[in-house]
Amino acid sequence: MENVTAIVKTFMRPDKFELCLRSLVSAGLKRIIVSFDGPEDFLEQHRRIVGKHQRGVLIRFLELPFNIGLAAARNRMIEKVNTDYILMIDDDNYVPLQVLEMAHGLSQLPEDIGGVAMGWLPAYNPVPQMDAYDLEIINKVLFKTWNSDKQRAIINGNAYMFPFDFIPNQVVFRRKLFDDVQWDEHYIISREHEDFYLTCKKETDWKFGICTSIYSIHDPGGSKEYIREYRAGDECDKSAEYFLKKWDLKGIAPPRYKDDYTSLFYDAAWQIKKNLDRNRYMRWKLETNQVLPDDVFQTR
């Protein structure tokens, strides 16, 4: 499908990046934009990987200032896109051969659906995941929940569900969405996704969907230096503080992976019901100002 451009931001995980790029080429992507903002020691490795996969594929390689951040890198890549659809993928995700089916599916969905996401199969966990939910602000707390307005569609044998306010990172977007909203470049790492989708909800009419038939493989992690300095360090705390201040929030509820977190679709049916009951209880606590410290994510 010539009307899709893949964008990939990479930093200092060349082995994972090569597997990601190989999966995109194998799936038939003909236009790919890569942005690199990692340490100079890793630049030549990434250049060589791009060069190995250039045959029959147009790959544009953007060398950006060191650690400019995920949000800024995505904006720079999107500025270069001139196709109607964008496949946004992280460098630790490997897409299946049928991933371009999602662009066709999106073209058949309502015009206000700005993107559809695939789920992911964790490389070291047997539970498929599909992190999608709706957003509300109750008493200055961002509340992650599910609304009951979901529609379903089968397109070319693939199942879609919509609308959602927040969807996973591996997404096919309509290019025109980014005429209305961009990634906030204050974020280097962490919280940029909540910010982007909350902006869409509060300032635009865009909604989003998921394709429950298509999954990437998610292979997270990296060196100890990468995790310590760039994935779980001070920048994450700064992002959280900025996010709460920007939106005048006291916190986020429920924290991810708590019992009342409602976005993990593929738990057993009884567990989904239990989680929804807990989520309703969380709503009641928010509405009656009876939340406890452990109920809400807050900055340190």
C-alpha atoms as a PDB file:
ATOM      1  CA  MET A   1       0.000   0.000   0.000  1.00  0.00           C
ATOM      2  CA  GLU A   2       1.749   3.133  -1.258  1.00  0.00           C
ATOM      3  CA  ASN A   3      -0.370   5.534   0.792  1.00  0.00           C
ATOM      4  CA  VAL A   4       1.220   4.694   4.175  1.00  0.00           C
ATOM      5  CA  THR A   5       4.453   5.999   5.681  1.00  0.00           C
ATOM      6  CA  ALA A   6       5.938   4.264   8.717  1.00  0.00           C
ATOM      7  CA  ILE A   7       7.710   6.403  11.312  1.00  0.00           C
ATOM      8  CA  VAL A   8      10.143   4.929  13.853  1.00  0.00           C
ATOM      9  CA  LYS A   9      12.019   6.780  16.587  1.00  0.00           C
ATOM     10  CA  THR A  10      15.195   5.043  17.779  1.00  0.00           C
ATOM     11  CA  PHE A  11      17.826   5.850  20.366  1.00  0.00           C
ATOM     12  CA  MET A  12      20.384   3.258  21.503  1.00  0.00           C
ATOM     13  CA  ARG A  13      18.943  -0.207  20.837  1.00  0.00           C
ATOM     14  CA  PRO A  14      20.278  -1.082  17.358  1.00  0.00           C
ATOM     15  CA  ASP A  15      19.496  -4.811  17.612  1.00  0.00           C
ATOM     16  CA  LYS A  16      15.837  -4.170  18.361  1.00  0.00           C
ATOM     17  CA  PHE A  17      15.701  -1.399  15.757  1.00  0.00           C
ATOM     18  CA  GLU A  18      16.969  -3.741  13.063  1.00  0.00           C
ATOM     19  CA  LEU A  19      14.284  -6.322  13.856  1.00  0.00           C
ATOM     20  CA  CYS A  20      11.660  -3.570  13.819  1.00  0.00           C
ATOM     21  CA  LEU A  21      12.836  -2.220  10.468  1.00  0.00           C
ATOM     22  CA  ARG A  22      13.041  -5.711   8.982  1.00  0.00           C
ATOM     23  CA  SER A  23       9.443  -6.389  10.023  1.00  0.00           C
ATOM     24  CA  LEU A  24       8.248  -3.180   8.351  1.00  0.00           C
ATOM     25  CA  VAL A  25      10.015  -4.003   5.089  1.00  0.00           C
ATOM     26  CA  SER A  26       8.699  -7.579   5.163  1.00  0.00           C
ATOM     27  CA  ALA A  27       5.162  -6.249   5.647  1.00  0.00           C
ATOM     28  CA  GLY A  28       5.418  -4.252   2.426  1.00  0.00           C
ATOM     29  CA  LEU A  29       6.062  -0.714   3.697  1.00  0.00           C
ATOM     30  CA  LYS A  30       7.638   1.291   0.874  1.00  0.00           C
ATOM     31  CA  ARG A  31       8.060   4.599   2.712  1.00  0.00           C
ATOM     32  CA  ILE A  32       9.759   4.721   6.108  1.00  0.00           C
ATOM     33  CA  ILE A  33      11.102   7.636   8.138  1.00  0.00           C
ATOM     34  CA  VAL A  34      13.536   6.923  10.976  1.00  0.00           C
ATOM     35  CA  SER A  35      14.661   9.480  13.542  1.00  0.00           C
ATOM     36  CA  PHE A  36      17.751   8.976  15.672  1.00  0.00           C
ATOM     37  CA  ASP A  37      18.522  11.109  18.737  1.00  0.00           C
ATOM     38  CA  GLY A  38      20.778   8.702  20.597  1.00  0.00           C
ATOM     39  CA  PRO A  39      24.425   8.804  21.668  1.00  0.00           C
ATOM     40  CA  GLU A  40      26.900   9.404  18.855  1.00  0.00           C
ATOM     41  CA  ASP A  41      28.521   6.031  19.590  1.00  0.00           C
ATOM     42  CA  PHE A  42      25.387   4.358  18.197  1.00  0.00           C
ATOM     43  CA  LEU A  43      24.878   6.570  15.137  1.00  0.00           C
ATOM     44  CA  GLU A  44      26.952   4.592  12.633  1.00  0.00           C
ATOM     45  CA  GLN A  45      25.293   1.299  13.637  1.00  0.00           C
ATOM     46  CA  HIS A  46      21.892   2.764  12.913  1.00  0.00           C
ATOM     47  CA  ARG A  47      23.066   4.212   9.605  1.00  0.00           C
ATOM     48  CA  ARG A  48      24.335   0.807   8.508  1.00  0.00           C
ATOM     49  CA  ILE A  49      21.067  -0.883   9.460  1.00  0.00           C
ATOM     50  CA  VAL A  50      19.099   1.631   7.386  1.00  0.00           C
ATOM     51  CA  GLY A  51      21.465   1.148   4.439  1.00  0.00           C
ATOM     52  CA  LYS A  52      20.997  -2.635   4.521  1.00  0.00           C
ATOM     53  CA  HIS A  53      17.232  -2.270   3.995  1.00  0.00           C
ATOM     54  CA  GLN A  54      17.134   0.510   1.379  1.00  0.00           C
ATOM     55  CA  ARG A  55      16.642  -1.800  -1.624  1.00  0.00           C
ATOM     56  CA  GLY A  56      13.171  -1.199  -3.065  1.00  0.00           C
ATOM     57  CA  VAL A  57      12.218   0.907  -0.039  1.00  0.00           C
ATOM     58  CA  LEU A  58      12.537   4.659   0.500  1.00  0.00           C
ATOM     59  CA  ILE A  59      13.954   5.101   4.025  1.00  0.00           C
ATOM     60  CA  ARG A  60      14.661   8.626   5.205  1.00  0.00           C
ATOM     61  CA  PHE A  61      17.065   8.866   8.154  1.00  0.00           C
ATOM     62  CA  LEU A  62      16.796  11.972  10.368  1.00  0.00           C
ATOM     63  CA  GLU A  63      19.749  12.712  12.655  1.00  0.00           C
ATOM     64  CA  LEU A  64      18.323  14.814  15.484  1.00  0.00           C
ATOM     65  CA  PRO A  65      19.956  16.554  18.479  1.00  0.00           C
ATOM     66  CA  PHE A  66      20.860  14.215  21.319  1.00  0.00           C
ATOM     67  CA  ASN A  67      17.887  13.148  23.465  1.00  0.00           C
ATOM     68  CA  ILE A  68      15.520  15.622  21.826  1.00  0.00           C
ATOM     69  CA  GLY A  69      12.773  13.310  22.998  1.00  0.00           C
ATOM     70  CA  LEU A  70      10.020  11.085  21.686  1.00  0.00           C
ATOM     71  CA  ALA A  71       7.489  13.877  21.162  1.00  0.00           C
ATOM     72  CA  ALA A  72       9.816  16.179  19.217  1.00  0.00           C
ATOM     73  CA  ALA A  73      11.170  13.308  17.120  1.00  0.00           C
ATOM     74  CA  ARG A  74       7.666  12.243  16.144  1.00  0.00           C
ATOM     75  CA  ASN A  75       6.773  15.795  15.165  1.00  0.00           C
ATOM     76  CA  ARG A  76       9.888  16.087  12.962  1.00  0.00           C
ATOM     77  CA  MET A  77       9.019  12.824  11.202  1.00  0.00           C
ATOM     78  CA  ILE A  78       5.347  13.687  10.737  1.00  0.00           C
ATOM     79  CA  GLU A  79       6.355  16.987   9.131  1.00  0.00           C
ATOM     80  CA  LYS A  80       8.063  14.953   6.384  1.00  0.00           C
ATOM     81  CA  VAL A  81       5.073  12.686   5.661  1.00  0.00           C
ATOM     82  CA  ASN A  82       3.066  13.296   2.470  1.00  0.00           C
ATOM     83  CA  THR A  83       0.901  10.156   2.473  1.00  0.00           C
ATOM     84  CA  ASP A  84      -2.653   9.941   3.796  1.00  0.00           C
ATOM     85  CA  TYR A  85      -1.773   7.447   6.518  1.00  0.00           C
ATOM     86  CA  ILE A  86       1.027   7.106   9.076  1.00  0.00           C
ATOM     87  CA  LEU A  87       2.061   3.902  10.815  1.00  0.00           C
ATOM     88  CA  MET A  88       3.689   4.955  14.093  1.00  0.00           C
ATOM     89  CA  ILE A  89       5.748   2.195  15.656  1.00  0.00           C
ATOM     90  CA  ASP A  90       8.294   2.051  18.481  1.00  0.00           C
ATOM     91  CA  ASP A  91      11.677   0.477  17.776  1.00  0.00           C
ATOM     92  CA  ASP A  92      10.998  -2.396  20.186  1.00  0.00           C
ATOM     93  CA  ASN A  93       7.891  -3.557  18.303  1.00  0.00           C
ATOM     94  CA  TYR A  94       7.859  -5.968  15.382  1.00  0.00           C
ATOM     95  CA  VAL A  95       4.816  -5.802  13.134  1.00  0.00           C
ATOM     96  CA  PRO A  96       3.049  -8.727  11.410  1.00  0.00           C
ATOM     97  CA  LEU A  97       2.844  -9.137   7.646  1.00  0.00           C
ATOM     98  CA  GLN A  98      -0.801  -7.989   7.506  1.00  0.00           C
ATOM     99  CA  VAL A  99      -0.254  -4.702   9.341  1.00  0.00           C
ATOM    100  CA  LEU A 100      -1.216  -2.606   6.288  1.00  0.00           C
ATOM    101  CA  GLU A 101      -4.724  -4.057   6.538  1.00  0.00           C
ATOM    102  CA  MET A 102      -5.215  -1.548   9.341  1.00  0.00           C
ATOM    103  CA  ALA A 103      -4.884   1.389   6.933  1.00  0.00           C
ATOM    104  CA  HIS A 104      -7.643  -0.066   4.771  1.00  0.00           C
ATOM    105  CA  GLY A 105      -9.742  -0.684   7.869  1.00  0.00           C
ATOM    106  CA  LEU A 106      -9.260   2.889   9.076  1.00  0.00           C
ATOM    107  CA  SER A 107     -10.329   4.206   5.658  1.00  0.00           C
ATOM    108  CA  GLN A 108     -13.658   2.405   6.121  1.00  0.00           C
ATOM    109  CA  LEU A 109     -14.345   3.702   9.643  1.00  0.00           C
ATOM    110  CA  PRO A 110     -16.116   6.998  10.443  1.00  0.00           C
ATOM    111  CA  GLU A 111     -14.156  10.104   9.496  1.00  0.00           C
ATOM    112  CA  ASP A 112     -13.773  11.209  13.116  1.00  0.00           C
ATOM    113  CA  ILE A 113     -11.746   8.082  13.973  1.00  0.00           C
ATOM    114  CA  GLY A 114      -8.237   9.497  13.705  1.00  0.00           C
ATOM    115  CA  GLY A 115      -6.309   6.271  14.208  1.00  0.00           C
ATOM    116  CA  VAL A 116      -6.541   2.572  14.981  1.00  0.00           C
ATOM    117  CA  ALA A 117      -4.076   0.654  17.127  1.00  0.00           C
ATOM    118  CA  MET A 118      -3.017  -2.969  17.252  1.00  0.00           C
ATOM    119  CA  GLY A 119      -2.427  -4.921  20.439  1.00  0.00           C
ATOM    120  CA  TRP A 120       0.876  -6.436  21.422  1.00  0.00           C
ATOM    121  CA  LEU A 121       2.235  -9.812  22.411  1.00  0.00           C
ATOM    122  CA  PRO A 122       4.831  -9.278  25.147  1.00  0.00           C
ATOM    123  CA  ALA A 123       8.097 -11.047  24.392  1.00  0.00           C
ATOM    124  CA  TYR A 124       8.416 -12.297  27.972  1.00  0.00           C
ATOM    125  CA  ASN A 125       4.786 -12.557  29.091  1.00  0.00           C
ATOM    126  CA  PRO A 126       2.060 -14.954  27.868  1.00  0.00           C
ATOM    127  CA  VAL A 127      -0.813 -12.438  28.173  1.00  0.00           C
ATOM    128  CA  PRO A 128      -1.782 -10.473  25.017  1.00  0.00           C
ATOM    129  CA  GLN A 129      -2.419  -6.820  25.790  1.00  0.00           C
ATOM    130  CA  MET A 130      -4.533  -4.019  24.327  1.00  0.00           C
ATOM    131  CA  ASP A 131      -4.145  -0.850  26.376  1.00  0.00           C
ATOM    132  CA  ALA A 132      -7.218   1.200  25.401  1.00  0.00           C
ATOM    133  CA  TYR A 133      -9.638   3.182  27.536  1.00  0.00           C
ATOM    134  CA  ASP A 134     -11.624   6.400  27.904  1.00  0.00           C
ATOM    135  CA  LEU A 135     -10.685   9.526  29.851  1.00  0.00           C
ATOM    136  CA  GLU A 136     -12.597  11.702  32.283  1.00  0.00           C
ATOM    137  CA  ILE A 137     -11.530  14.373  34.758  1.00  0.00           C
ATOM    138  CA  ILE A 138     -13.299  14.083  38.110  1.00  0.00           C
ATOM    139  CA  ASN A 139     -12.406  16.503  40.901  1.00  0.00           C
ATOM    140  CA  LYS A 140      -9.075  17.269  39.222  1.00  0.00           C
ATOM    141  CA  VAL A 141      -8.090  13.610  38.891  1.00  0.00           C
ATOM    142  CA  LEU A 142      -7.643  12.068  35.437  1.00  0.00           C
ATOM    143  CA  PHE A 143      -9.821   8.953  35.511  1.00  0.00           C
ATOM    144  CA  LYS A 144      -9.180   6.035  33.148  1.00  0.00           C
ATOM    145  CA  THR A 145     -12.390   4.118  32.479  1.00  0.00           C
ATOM    146  CA  TRP A 146     -14.585   2.503  29.806  1.00  0.00           C
ATOM    147  CA  ASN A 147     -17.648   4.100  28.300  1.00  0.00           C
ATOM    148  CA  SER A 148     -20.474   1.947  26.971  1.00  0.00           C
ATOM    149  CA  ASP A 149     -20.650   3.575  23.527  1.00  0.00           C
ATOM    150  CA  LYS A 150     -18.440   1.070  21.703  1.00  0.00           C
ATOM    151  CA  GLN A 151     -19.206   0.043  18.131  1.00  0.00           C
ATOM    152  CA  ARG A 152     -17.820  -2.968  16.287  1.00  0.00           C
ATOM    153  CA  ALA A 153     -16.944  -3.557  12.662  1.00  0.00           C
ATOM    154  CA  ILE A 154     -15.524  -6.439  10.614  1.00  0.00           C
ATOM    155  CA  ILE A 155     -13.484  -5.207   7.646  1.00  0.00           C
ATOM    156  CA  ASN A 156     -11.671  -7.690   5.398  1.00  0.00           C
ATOM    157  CA  GLY A 157     -11.993 -10.249   8.172  1.00  0.00           C
ATOM    158  CA  ASN A 158     -10.400  -8.035  10.839  1.00  0.00           C
ATOM    159  CA  ALA A 159     -12.330  -6.860  13.911  1.00  0.00           C
ATOM    160  CA  TYR A 160     -12.375  -3.221  15.024  1.00  0.00           C
ATOM    161  CA  MET A 161     -13.824  -1.523  18.099  1.00  0.00           C
ATOM    162  CA  PHE A 162     -14.366   2.222  18.544  1.00  0.00           C
ATOM    163  CA  PRO A 163     -14.485   4.935  19.831  1.00  0.00           C
ATOM    164  CA  PHE A 164     -11.843   5.199  22.546  1.00  0.00           C
ATOM    165  CA  ASP A 165     -10.069   8.233  23.963  1.00  0.00           C
ATOM    166  CA  PHE A 166      -6.720   6.450  24.461  1.00  0.00           C
ATOM    167  CA  ILE A 167      -5.176   3.621  22.436  1.00  0.00           C
ATOM    168  CA  PRO A 168      -1.825   1.755  22.410  1.00  0.00           C
ATOM    169  CA  ASN A 169       1.373   3.111  20.860  1.00  0.00           C
ATOM    170  CA  GLN A 170       1.383   1.037  17.659  1.00  0.00           C
ATOM    171  CA  VAL A 171      -1.062   3.018  15.526  1.00  0.00           C
ATOM    172  CA  VAL A 172      -2.130   3.752  11.976  1.00  0.00           C
ATOM    173  CA  PHE A 173      -3.161   7.442  11.967  1.00  0.00           C
ATOM    174  CA  ARG A 174      -4.859   9.623   9.402  1.00  0.00           C
ATOM    175  CA  ARG A 175      -2.253  12.205   8.388  1.00  0.00           C
ATOM    176  CA  LYS A 176      -4.791  15.034   8.616  1.00  0.00           C
ATOM    177  CA  LEU A 177      -5.185  14.441  12.361  1.00  0.00           C
ATOM    178  CA  PHE A 178      -1.852  16.197  12.814  1.00  0.00           C
ATOM    179  CA  ASP A 179      -3.182  19.372  11.228  1.00  0.00           C
ATOM    180  CA  ASP A 180      -5.148  19.738  14.483  1.00  0.00           C
ATOM    181  CA  VAL A 181      -2.819  18.407  17.164  1.00  0.00           C
ATOM    182  CA  GLN A 182       0.898  17.704  17.620  1.00  0.00           C
ATOM    183  CA  TRP A 183       2.990  15.965  20.263  1.00  0.00           C
ATOM    184  CA  ASP A 184       3.958  18.309  23.134  1.00  0.00           C
ATOM    185  CA  GLU A 185       7.736  18.655  22.914  1.00  0.00           C
ATOM    186  CA  HIS A 186       8.145  19.373  26.631  1.00  0.00           C
ATOM    187  CA  TYR A 187       8.092  15.579  27.103  1.00  0.00           C
ATOM    188  CA  ILE A 188      11.392  13.773  26.598  1.00  0.00           C
ATOM    189  CA  ILE A 189      10.117  10.370  27.746  1.00  0.00           C
ATOM    190  CA  SER A 190       6.923   9.262  29.571  1.00  0.00           C
ATOM    191  CA  ARG A 191       3.425  10.795  29.766  1.00  0.00           C
ATOM    192  CA  GLU A 192       3.513  12.099  26.187  1.00  0.00           C
ATOM    193  CA  HIS A 193       0.809   9.605  25.209  1.00  0.00           C
ATOM    194  CA  GLU A 194      -1.663  10.575  27.934  1.00  0.00           C
ATOM    195  CA  ASP A 195      -1.021  14.197  27.029  1.00  0.00           C
ATOM    196  CA  PHE A 196      -1.575  13.664  23.300  1.00  0.00           C
ATOM    197  CA  TYR A 197      -4.850  11.802  23.704  1.00  0.00           C
ATOM    198  CA  LEU A 198      -6.138  14.124  26.423  1.00  0.00           C
ATOM    199  CA  THR A 199      -5.417  17.048  24.072  1.00  0.00           C
ATOM    200  CA  CYS A 200      -7.390  15.295  21.322  1.00  0.00           C
ATOM    201  CA  LYS A 201     -10.313  14.769  23.699  1.00  0.00           C
ATOM    202  CA  LYS A 202     -10.426  18.291  25.123  1.00  0.00           C
ATOM    203  CA  GLU A 203      -9.450  20.369  22.075  1.00  0.00           C
ATOM    204  CA  THR A 204     -10.597  18.387  19.006  1.00  0.00           C
ATOM    205  CA  ASP A 205     -13.372  16.060  17.843  1.00  0.00           C
ATOM    206  CA  TRP A 206     -11.044  13.139  17.055  1.00  0.00           C
ATOM    207  CA  LYS A 207     -11.709   9.675  18.492  1.00  0.00           C
ATOM    208  CA  PHE A 208      -9.763   6.442  18.105  1.00  0.00           C
ATOM    209  CA  GLY A 209     -10.208   2.723  17.602  1.00  0.00           C
ATOM    210  CA  ILE A 210      -8.470  -0.611  18.014  1.00  0.00           C
ATOM    211  CA  CYS A 211      -8.025  -3.614  15.757  1.00  0.00           C
ATOM    212  CA  THR A 212      -8.440  -6.695  17.921  1.00  0.00           C
ATOM    213  CA  SER A 213      -7.260  -9.026  15.127  1.00  0.00           C
ATOM    214  CA  ILE A 214      -3.711  -7.732  14.651  1.00  0.00           C
ATOM    215  CA  TYR A 215      -0.827  -7.767  17.131  1.00  0.00           C
ATOM    216  CA  SER A 216       2.780  -6.686  17.150  1.00  0.00           C
ATOM    217  CA  ILE A 217       5.449  -8.369  19.257  1.00  0.00           C
ATOM    218  CA  HIS A 218       6.633  -6.032  22.004  1.00  0.00           C
ATOM    219  CA  ASP A 219      10.245  -6.624  23.011  1.00  0.00           C
ATOM    220  CA  PRO A 220      10.978  -3.936  25.631  1.00  0.00           C
ATOM    221  CA  GLY A 221      14.110  -3.309  27.615  1.00  0.00           C
ATOM    222  CA  GLY A 222      17.676  -2.418  26.836  1.00  0.00           C
ATOM    223  CA  SER A 223      21.011  -2.011  28.571  1.00  0.00           C
ATOM    224  CA  LYS A 224      21.194  -1.111  32.253  1.00  0.00           C
ATOM    225  CA  GLU A 225      22.413   2.348  31.231  1.00  0.00           C
ATOM    226  CA  TYR A 226      19.424   2.813  28.926  1.00  0.00           C
ATOM    227  CA  ILE A 227      16.927   1.791  31.609  1.00  0.00           C
ATOM    228  CA  ARG A 228      18.588   3.764  34.409  1.00  0.00           C
ATOM    229  CA  GLU A 229      19.393   6.976  32.550  1.00  0.00           C
ATOM    230  CA  TYR A 230      16.690   7.276  29.937  1.00  0.00           C
ATOM    231  CA  ARG A 231      13.726   4.991  30.657  1.00  0.00           C
ATOM    232  CA  ALA A 232      13.229   5.283  34.418  1.00  0.00           C
ATOM    233  CA  GLY A 233      15.232   8.333  35.460  1.00  0.00           C
ATOM    234  CA  ASP A 234      14.618  11.969  36.294  1.00  0.00           C
ATOM    235  CA  GLU A 235      13.062  12.720  32.898  1.00  0.00           C
ATOM    236  CA  CYS A 236      10.110  10.463  33.781  1.00  0.00           C
ATOM    237  CA  ASP A 237       9.539  12.369  37.018  1.00  0.00           C
ATOM    238  CA  LYS A 238       9.800  15.701  35.186  1.00  0.00           C
ATOM    239  CA  SER A 239       7.267  14.518  32.621  1.00  0.00           C
ATOM    240  CA  ALA A 240       4.794  13.469  35.293  1.00  0.00           C
ATOM    241  CA  GLU A 241       5.140  16.789  37.120  1.00  0.00           C
ATOM    242  CA  TYR A 242       4.700  18.749  33.892  1.00  0.00           C
ATOM    243  CA  PHE A 243       1.658  16.679  32.862  1.00  0.00           C
ATOM    244  CA  LEU A 244      -0.177  17.254  36.137  1.00  0.00           C
ATOM    245  CA  LYS A 245       0.664  20.971  36.168  1.00  0.00           C
ATOM    246  CA  LYS A 246      -0.298  21.499  32.505  1.00  0.00           C
ATOM    247  CA  TRP A 247      -3.751  19.996  32.970  1.00  0.00           C
ATOM    248  CA  ASP A 248      -4.242  21.289  36.550  1.00  0.00           C
ATOM    249  CA  LEU A 249      -4.573  17.765  37.908  1.00  0.00           C
ATOM    250  CA  LYS A 250      -4.036  16.321  41.370  1.00  0.00           C
ATOM    251  CA  GLY A 251      -3.278  12.858  40.040  1.00  0.00           C
ATOM    252  CA  ILE A 252      -4.185   9.947  37.781  1.00  0.00           C
ATOM    253  CA  ALA A 253      -6.487   7.099  38.797  1.00  0.00           C
ATOM    254  CA  PRO A 254      -6.207   4.214  38.857  1.00  0.00           C
ATOM    255  CA  PRO A 255      -2.427   3.741  38.662  1.00  0.00           C
ATOM    256  CA  ARG A 256      -1.388   1.296  35.969  1.00  0.00           C
ATOM    257  CA  TYR A 257      -1.521  -2.413  36.839  1.00  0.00           C
ATOM    258  CA  LYS A 258      -3.598  -1.880  39.997  1.00  0.00           C
ATOM    259  CA  ASP A 259      -6.627  -4.148  40.418  1.00  0.00           C
ATOM    260  CA  ASP A 260      -9.063  -1.430  39.314  1.00  0.00           C
ATOM    261  CA  TYR A 261      -7.144  -0.572  36.118  1.00  0.00           C
ATOM    262  CA  THR A 262      -9.584  -1.417  33.333  1.00  0.00           C
ATOM    263  CA  SER A 263      -7.691  -1.404  30.047  1.00  0.00           C
ATOM    264  CA  LEU A 264      -6.272  -4.918  29.760  1.00  0.00           C
ATOM    265  CA  PHE A 265      -8.858  -6.472  27.476  1.00  0.00           C
ATOM    266  CA  TYR A 266      -7.776 -10.057  27.378  1.00  0.00           C
ATOM    267  CA  ASP A 267      -8.137 -11.136  30.970  1.00  0.00           C
ATOM    268  CA  ALA A 268     -10.738 -13.795  31.711  1.00  0.00           C
ATOM    269  CA  ALA A 269     -14.366 -12.651  31.635  1.00  0.00           C
ATOM    270  CA  TRP A 270     -14.742 -12.928  35.420  1.00  0.00           C
ATOM    271  CA  GLN A 271     -11.678 -10.763  35.921  1.00  0.00           C
ATOM    272  CA  ILE A 272     -13.005  -8.098  33.556  1.00  0.00           C
ATOM    273  CA  LYS A 273     -16.259  -7.953  35.562  1.00  0.00           C
ATOM    274  CA  LYS A 274     -14.324  -7.740  38.822  1.00  0.00           C
ATOM    275  CA  ASN A 275     -12.147  -4.964  37.443  1.00  0.00           C
ATOM    276  CA  LEU A 276     -15.160  -3.024  36.198  1.00  0.00           C
ATOM    277  CA  ASP A 277     -16.784  -3.285  39.631  1.00  0.00           C
ATOM    278  CA  ARG A 278     -13.613  -1.936  41.209  1.00  0.00           C
ATOM    279  CA  ASN A 279     -13.439   0.781  38.608  1.00  0.00           C
ATOM    280  CA  ARG A 280     -17.006   1.880  39.449  1.00  0.00           C
ATOM    281  CA  TYR A 281     -15.990   1.979  43.105  1.00  0.00           C
ATOM    282  CA  MET A 282     -13.030   4.168  42.145  1.00  0.00           C
ATOM    283  CA  ARG A 283     -15.433   6.542  40.340  1.00  0.00           C
ATOM    284  CA  TRP A 284     -17.562   6.775  43.499  1.00  0.00           C
ATOM    285  CA  LYS A 285     -14.526   7.582  45.621  1.00  0.00           C
ATOM    286  CA  LEU A 286     -13.451  10.305  43.180  1.00  0.00           C
ATOM    287  CA  GLU A 287     -16.909  11.841  42.972  1.00  0.00           C
ATOM    288  CA  THR A 288     -17.283  11.898  46.761  1.00  0.00           C
ATOM    289  CA  ASN A 289     -13.731  13.062  47.483  1.00  0.00           C
ATOM    290  CA  GLN A 290     -12.903   9.861  49.383  1.00  0.00           C
ATOM    291  CA  VAL A 291      -9.828   8.749  47.461  1.00  0.00           C
ATOM    292  CA  LEU A 292      -6.889   7.417  49.444  1.00  0.00           C
ATOM    293  CA  PRO A 293      -3.207   8.212  48.716  1.00  0.00           C
ATOM    294  CA  ASP A 294      -2.627   4.783  47.137  1.00  0.00           C
ATOM    295  CA  ASP A 295      -5.602   5.259  44.767  1.00  0.00           C
ATOM    296  CA  VAL A 296      -3.954   8.076  42.766  1.00  0.00           C
ATOM    297  CA  PHE A 297      -0.608   8.349  40.979  1.00  0.00           C
ATOM    298  CA  GLN A 298       1.160  11.502  42.115  1.00  0.00           C
ATOM    299  CA  THR A 299       4.649  12.877  41.633  1.00  0.00           C
ATOM    300  CA  ARG A 300       7.220  12.247  44.305  1.00  0.00           C
END
